[in-house]
Amino acid sequence: MIVQNKGNFVRHAAGVTLIPGANEITEEQWEAYRAHPLASALIKKGEVEAKETFGSLSAADAIDLAKDTFDMEVLEQMKLHEKRTTVLKAIDEQISELQQEGE
């Protein structure tokens, strides 16, 4: 499942680390994370949000999530299951931007 950390800080709780943007974690990790008091507060504030699957998002939401993702592996996973050209373009642009920053 994909969990979006909308904040500007890395979040750690219950052995789970969420970097800003999209993170791919298991259902079990999500259950442990959301049971933690700090994580629960972040979820209630809307800073951390679970997404069932990337493909279930509207194109606009998927594009926003791609633009907020800084993990190359997660971006590559998004591409594997995506067919919408506008979303694929946003993913490719984010990958290109991250690659340029890494040079």
C-alpha atoms as a PDB file:
ATOM      1  CA  MET A   1       0.000   0.000   0.000  1.00  0.00           C
ATOM      2  CA  ILE A   2       1.057   3.580  -0.494  1.00  0.00           C
ATOM      3  CA  VAL A   3       1.240   5.973   2.435  1.00  0.00           C
ATOM      4  CA  GLN A   4       1.777   9.664   1.790  1.00  0.00           C
ATOM      5  CA  ASN A   5       3.723  11.713   4.300  1.00  0.00           C
ATOM      6  CA  LYS A   6       2.487  15.227   3.507  1.00  0.00           C
ATOM      7  CA  GLY A   7       4.806  16.814   6.044  1.00  0.00           C
ATOM      8  CA  ASN A   8       8.319  18.133   5.515  1.00  0.00           C
ATOM      9  CA  PHE A   9       9.955  15.731   7.952  1.00  0.00           C
ATOM     10  CA  VAL A  10      10.830  12.040   8.026  1.00  0.00           C
ATOM     11  CA  ARG A  11       8.410  10.276  10.379  1.00  0.00           C
ATOM     12  CA  HIS A  12       9.444   7.273  12.510  1.00  0.00           C
ATOM     13  CA  ALA A  13       7.036   5.186  14.584  1.00  0.00           C
ATOM     14  CA  ALA A  14       6.566   1.499  15.371  1.00  0.00           C
ATOM     15  CA  GLY A  15       9.622   0.559  13.323  1.00  0.00           C
ATOM     16  CA  VAL A  16       8.251   2.270  10.199  1.00  0.00           C
ATOM     17  CA  THR A  17      10.017   5.165   8.490  1.00  0.00           C
ATOM     18  CA  LEU A  18       8.084   7.481   6.179  1.00  0.00           C
ATOM     19  CA  ILE A  19      10.002   9.995   4.100  1.00  0.00           C
ATOM     20  CA  PRO A  20       8.137  13.030   2.770  1.00  0.00           C
ATOM     21  CA  GLY A  21       5.989  12.047  -0.190  1.00  0.00           C
ATOM     22  CA  ALA A  22       4.826   8.566  -1.141  1.00  0.00           C
ATOM     23  CA  ASN A  23       6.083   5.486   0.681  1.00  0.00           C
ATOM     24  CA  GLU A  24       5.299   1.866  -0.070  1.00  0.00           C
ATOM     25  CA  ILE A  25       4.713  -0.231   3.053  1.00  0.00           C
ATOM     26  CA  THR A  26       2.881  -3.444   3.895  1.00  0.00           C
ATOM     27  CA  GLU A  27      -0.570  -3.626   5.478  1.00  0.00           C
ATOM     28  CA  GLU A  28       1.053  -5.000   8.635  1.00  0.00           C
ATOM     29  CA  GLN A  29       3.457  -2.050   8.824  1.00  0.00           C
ATOM     30  CA  TRP A  30       0.548   0.359   8.343  1.00  0.00           C
ATOM     31  CA  GLU A  31      -1.439  -1.277  11.154  1.00  0.00           C
ATOM     32  CA  ALA A  32       1.554  -1.047  13.504  1.00  0.00           C
ATOM     33  CA  TYR A  33       2.283   2.539  12.459  1.00  0.00           C
ATOM     34  CA  ARG A  34      -1.252   3.834  12.872  1.00  0.00           C
ATOM     35  CA  ALA A  35      -1.545   2.204  16.317  1.00  0.00           C
ATOM     36  CA  HIS A  36       1.358   4.311  17.596  1.00  0.00           C
ATOM     37  CA  PRO A  37       0.166   7.457  19.479  1.00  0.00           C
ATOM     38  CA  LEU A  38       2.404   9.880  17.539  1.00  0.00           C
ATOM     39  CA  ALA A  39       1.431   8.384  14.200  1.00  0.00           C
ATOM     40  CA  SER A  40      -2.224   8.399  15.164  1.00  0.00           C
ATOM     41  CA  ALA A  41      -2.012  12.140  15.853  1.00  0.00           C
ATOM     42  CA  LEU A  42      -0.338  12.757  12.473  1.00  0.00           C
ATOM     43  CA  ILE A  43      -3.050  10.744  10.715  1.00  0.00           C
ATOM     44  CA  LYS A  44      -5.788  12.712  12.474  1.00  0.00           C
ATOM     45  CA  LYS A  45      -4.119  15.986  11.432  1.00  0.00           C
ATOM     46  CA  GLY A  46      -3.990  14.766   7.819  1.00  0.00           C
ATOM     47  CA  GLU A  47      -0.193  14.813   7.615  1.00  0.00           C
ATOM     48  CA  VAL A  48      -0.023  11.081   6.927  1.00  0.00           C
ATOM     49  CA  GLU A  49      -2.561   9.433   4.668  1.00  0.00           C
ATOM     50  CA  ALA A  50      -2.964   5.888   3.362  1.00  0.00           C
ATOM     51  CA  LYS A  51      -3.806   5.261  -0.280  1.00  0.00           C
ATOM     52  CA  GLU A  52      -5.111   1.807  -1.148  1.00  0.00           C
ATOM     53  CA  THR A  53      -3.443   1.681  -4.560  1.00  0.00           C
ATOM     54  CA  PHE A  54      -1.938   4.249  -6.851  1.00  0.00           C
ATOM     55  CA  GLY A  55      -4.225   3.191  -9.706  1.00  0.00           C
ATOM     56  CA  SER A  56      -7.342   3.837  -7.631  1.00  0.00           C
ATOM     57  CA  LEU A  57      -6.540   7.554  -7.403  1.00  0.00           C
ATOM     58  CA  SER A  58      -8.012  10.085  -9.794  1.00  0.00           C
ATOM     59  CA  ALA A  59      -5.549  11.309 -12.417  1.00  0.00           C
ATOM     60  CA  ALA A  60      -5.201  14.666 -10.647  1.00  0.00           C
ATOM     61  CA  ASP A  61      -4.519  13.001  -7.267  1.00  0.00           C
ATOM     62  CA  ALA A  62      -2.086  10.527  -8.863  1.00  0.00           C
ATOM     63  CA  ILE A  63      -0.179  13.385 -10.511  1.00  0.00           C
ATOM     64  CA  ASP A  64      -0.009  15.304  -7.229  1.00  0.00           C
ATOM     65  CA  LEU A  65       1.255  12.209  -5.437  1.00  0.00           C
ATOM     66  CA  ALA A  66       3.886  11.548  -8.116  1.00  0.00           C
ATOM     67  CA  LYS A  67       5.129  15.134  -7.831  1.00  0.00           C
ATOM     68  CA  ASP A  68       5.403  14.654  -4.050  1.00  0.00           C
ATOM     69  CA  THR A  69       7.392  11.402  -4.312  1.00  0.00           C
ATOM     70  CA  PHE A  70      11.158  11.348  -3.813  1.00  0.00           C
ATOM     71  CA  ASP A  71      11.777   7.592  -3.719  1.00  0.00           C
ATOM     72  CA  MET A  72      12.868   6.320  -7.148  1.00  0.00           C
ATOM     73  CA  GLU A  73      11.732   2.767  -6.390  1.00  0.00           C
ATOM     74  CA  VAL A  74       8.229   3.963  -5.530  1.00  0.00           C
ATOM     75  CA  LEU A  75       8.091   6.038  -8.718  1.00  0.00           C
ATOM     76  CA  GLU A  76       9.178   3.033 -10.780  1.00  0.00           C
ATOM     77  CA  GLN A  77       6.483   0.909  -9.106  1.00  0.00           C
ATOM     78  CA  MET A  78       3.905   3.570  -9.955  1.00  0.00           C
ATOM     79  CA  LYS A  79       4.939   3.387 -13.607  1.00  0.00           C
ATOM     80  CA  LEU A  80       4.543  -0.387 -13.772  1.00  0.00           C
ATOM     81  CA  HIS A  81       0.806  -0.288 -13.152  1.00  0.00           C
ATOM     82  CA  GLU A  82      -0.126   3.053 -14.691  1.00  0.00           C
ATOM     83  CA  LYS A  83      -1.706   3.470 -18.128  1.00  0.00           C
ATOM     84  CA  ARG A  84      -2.888   7.097 -18.049  1.00  0.00           C
ATOM     85  CA  THR A  85      -0.573   9.183 -20.218  1.00  0.00           C
ATOM     86  CA  THR A  86      -0.869  12.340 -18.122  1.00  0.00           C
ATOM     87  CA  VAL A  87       0.078  10.427 -14.989  1.00  0.00           C
ATOM     88  CA  LEU A  88       2.939   8.631 -16.724  1.00  0.00           C
ATOM     89  CA  LYS A  89       4.250  11.996 -17.918  1.00  0.00           C
ATOM     90  CA  ALA A  90       4.175  13.370 -14.354  1.00  0.00           C
ATOM     91  CA  ILE A  91       6.015  10.291 -13.057  1.00  0.00           C
ATOM     92  CA  ASP A  92       8.656  10.583 -15.784  1.00  0.00           C
ATOM     93  CA  GLU A  93       9.116  14.294 -15.052  1.00  0.00           C
ATOM     94  CA  GLN A  94       9.612  13.575 -11.338  1.00  0.00           C
ATOM     95  CA  ILE A  95      12.116  10.811 -12.111  1.00  0.00           C
ATOM     96  CA  SER A  96      14.000  13.147 -14.442  1.00  0.00           C
ATOM     97  CA  GLU A  97      14.053  15.906 -11.818  1.00  0.00           C
ATOM     98  CA  LEU A  98      15.379  13.538  -9.158  1.00  0.00           C
ATOM     99  CA  GLN A  99      18.060  12.245 -11.525  1.00  0.00           C
ATOM    100  CA  GLN A 100      19.166  15.804 -12.327  1.00  0.00           C
ATOM    101  CA  GLU A 101      19.403  16.631  -8.614  1.00  0.00           C
ATOM    102  CA  GLY A 102      21.555  13.560  -8.112  1.00  0.00           C
ATOM    103  CA  GLU A 103      24.111  14.629 -10.714  1.00  0.00           C
END
